[in-house]
Amino acid sequence: MDDKGCALDNVYTEKFWGAFKRDKIYLNLPNGGMDLYQKVNDYVQFFNTV
C-alpha cells in the first residue's frame, strides 16, 4: 500500500468484482439471497482454480 488514496491499491479487488458482475450478475440476475450467495461461491471457486 502506497500513499493514502492511491488508485493502484484496490486494482485487483476492483478487477475481480468487475469481472464477477459482468460474468455472473448482469447476464443472469439472481432470484434472491441464496441464489446470489451460490453465484458468488461458484465464481470464487472458479477464480481461485483458474
N, C-alpha and C. Protein backbone atom coordinates (compact mmCIF):
# COMPACT_ATOMS: atom_id res chain seq x y z
N MET A 1 0.83 -1.18 0.00
CA MET A 1 0.00 0.00 0.00
C MET A 1 0.87 1.24 0.00
N ASP A 2 0.54 2.13 -0.88
CA ASP A 2 1.30 3.36 -1.00
C ASP A 2 0.61 4.47 -0.22
N ASP A 3 0.64 5.63 -0.76
CA ASP A 3 0.04 6.79 -0.11
C ASP A 3 -1.47 6.65 0.02
N LYS A 4 -2.03 7.46 0.89
CA LYS A 4 -3.48 7.47 1.08
C LYS A 4 -4.18 7.85 -0.21
N GLY A 5 -5.14 7.03 -0.64
CA GLY A 5 -5.91 7.32 -1.83
C GLY A 5 -5.24 6.93 -3.13
N CYS A 6 -4.21 6.11 -3.06
CA CYS A 6 -3.52 5.68 -4.28
C CYS A 6 -4.45 4.81 -5.11
N ALA A 7 -4.56 5.11 -6.38
CA ALA A 7 -5.51 4.41 -7.26
C ALA A 7 -5.14 2.94 -7.47
N LEU A 8 -3.89 2.58 -7.30
CA LEU A 8 -3.47 1.21 -7.56
C LEU A 8 -3.65 0.26 -6.38
N ASP A 9 -4.06 0.76 -5.23
CA ASP A 9 -4.22 -0.07 -4.05
C ASP A 9 -5.29 -1.14 -4.22
N ASN A 10 -6.38 -0.80 -4.88
CA ASN A 10 -7.51 -1.71 -4.98
C ASN A 10 -7.70 -2.29 -6.38
N VAL A 11 -6.68 -2.24 -7.21
CA VAL A 11 -6.87 -2.63 -8.61
C VAL A 11 -7.27 -4.10 -8.75
N TYR A 12 -6.72 -4.98 -7.96
CA TYR A 12 -7.05 -6.41 -8.08
C TYR A 12 -8.44 -6.71 -7.55
N THR A 13 -8.82 -6.06 -6.47
CA THR A 13 -10.17 -6.24 -5.94
C THR A 13 -11.21 -5.69 -6.90
N GLU A 14 -10.96 -4.53 -7.45
CA GLU A 14 -11.89 -3.94 -8.40
C GLU A 14 -12.00 -4.79 -9.66
N LYS A 15 -10.89 -5.34 -10.12
CA LYS A 15 -10.90 -6.21 -11.30
C LYS A 15 -11.72 -7.47 -11.03
N PHE A 16 -11.56 -8.07 -9.86
CA PHE A 16 -12.30 -9.28 -9.50
C PHE A 16 -13.80 -9.01 -9.49
N TRP A 17 -14.24 -7.97 -8.76
CA TRP A 17 -15.67 -7.71 -8.64
C TRP A 17 -16.27 -7.22 -9.95
N GLY A 18 -15.49 -6.50 -10.75
CA GLY A 18 -15.97 -6.08 -12.07
C GLY A 18 -16.20 -7.28 -12.97
N ALA A 19 -15.25 -8.21 -12.97
CA ALA A 19 -15.40 -9.42 -13.78
C ALA A 19 -16.57 -10.27 -13.27
N PHE A 20 -16.72 -10.35 -11.97
CA PHE A 20 -17.83 -11.12 -11.38
C PHE A 20 -19.17 -10.55 -11.83
N LYS A 21 -19.31 -9.24 -11.75
CA LYS A 21 -20.58 -8.62 -12.14
C LYS A 21 -20.87 -8.80 -13.62
N ARG A 22 -19.84 -8.65 -14.46
CA ARG A 22 -20.04 -8.85 -15.90
C ARG A 22 -20.37 -10.29 -16.24
N ASP A 23 -19.69 -11.24 -15.60
CA ASP A 23 -19.85 -12.66 -15.95
C ASP A 23 -21.08 -13.31 -15.32
N LYS A 24 -21.40 -12.96 -14.09
CA LYS A 24 -22.46 -13.67 -13.36
C LYS A 24 -23.73 -12.86 -13.12
N ILE A 25 -23.61 -11.63 -12.71
CA ILE A 25 -24.77 -10.87 -12.26
C ILE A 25 -25.54 -10.26 -13.43
N TYR A 26 -24.86 -9.55 -14.32
CA TYR A 26 -25.57 -8.85 -15.39
C TYR A 26 -26.18 -9.80 -16.41
N LEU A 27 -25.57 -10.95 -16.61
CA LEU A 27 -26.10 -11.91 -17.59
C LEU A 27 -27.27 -12.72 -17.05
N ASN A 28 -27.20 -13.10 -15.77
CA ASN A 28 -28.25 -13.91 -15.13
C ASN A 28 -28.55 -13.31 -13.77
N LEU A 29 -29.60 -12.52 -13.67
CA LEU A 29 -29.94 -11.89 -12.40
C LEU A 29 -30.31 -12.94 -11.36
N PRO A 30 -29.81 -12.80 -10.13
CA PRO A 30 -30.13 -13.77 -9.08
C PRO A 30 -31.58 -13.64 -8.64
N ASN A 31 -32.12 -14.76 -8.16
CA ASN A 31 -33.51 -14.80 -7.70
C ASN A 31 -33.61 -14.80 -6.19
N GLY A 32 -32.80 -14.02 -5.53
CA GLY A 32 -32.84 -13.93 -4.09
C GLY A 32 -31.45 -14.07 -3.49
N GLY A 33 -31.43 -14.03 -2.17
CA GLY A 33 -30.17 -14.05 -1.45
C GLY A 33 -29.39 -15.34 -1.58
N MET A 34 -30.08 -16.47 -1.52
CA MET A 34 -29.39 -17.75 -1.62
C MET A 34 -28.83 -17.97 -3.01
N ASP A 35 -29.54 -17.54 -4.03
CA ASP A 35 -29.05 -17.66 -5.40
C ASP A 35 -27.81 -16.78 -5.59
N LEU A 36 -27.84 -15.58 -5.06
CA LEU A 36 -26.68 -14.69 -5.13
C LEU A 36 -25.50 -15.29 -4.38
N TYR A 37 -25.75 -15.83 -3.20
CA TYR A 37 -24.68 -16.48 -2.42
C TYR A 37 -24.05 -17.62 -3.21
N GLN A 38 -24.86 -18.43 -3.85
CA GLN A 38 -24.35 -19.55 -4.63
C GLN A 38 -23.53 -19.07 -5.82
N LYS A 39 -23.98 -18.01 -6.47
CA LYS A 39 -23.23 -17.45 -7.61
C LYS A 39 -21.88 -16.92 -7.16
N VAL A 40 -21.84 -16.23 -6.04
CA VAL A 40 -20.57 -15.72 -5.51
C VAL A 40 -19.66 -16.88 -5.16
N ASN A 41 -20.18 -17.88 -4.48
CA ASN A 41 -19.39 -19.03 -4.08
C ASN A 41 -18.83 -19.76 -5.30
N ASP A 42 -19.65 -20.00 -6.30
CA ASP A 42 -19.20 -20.68 -7.51
C ASP A 42 -18.11 -19.88 -8.22
N TYR A 43 -18.29 -18.57 -8.31
CA TYR A 43 -17.32 -17.75 -9.02
C TYR A 43 -15.99 -17.67 -8.27
N VAL A 44 -16.03 -17.59 -6.95
CA VAL A 44 -14.79 -17.56 -6.17
C VAL A 44 -14.04 -18.86 -6.34
N GLN A 45 -14.76 -19.99 -6.32
CA GLN A 45 -14.11 -21.28 -6.54
C GLN A 45 -13.49 -21.33 -7.92
N PHE A 46 -14.21 -20.87 -8.94
CA PHE A 46 -13.68 -20.84 -10.31
C PHE A 46 -12.47 -19.93 -10.41
N PHE A 47 -12.57 -18.74 -9.82
CA PHE A 47 -11.50 -17.76 -9.92
C PHE A 47 -10.22 -18.26 -9.23
N ASN A 48 -10.36 -19.01 -8.14
CA ASN A 48 -9.20 -19.50 -7.41
C ASN A 48 -8.55 -20.71 -8.07
N THR A 49 -9.26 -21.39 -8.97
CA THR A 49 -8.68 -22.58 -9.59
C THR A 49 -8.16 -22.32 -10.99
N VAL A 50 -8.49 -21.20 -11.58
CA VAL A 50 -8.03 -20.91 -12.95
C VAL A 50 -6.74 -20.14 -12.92
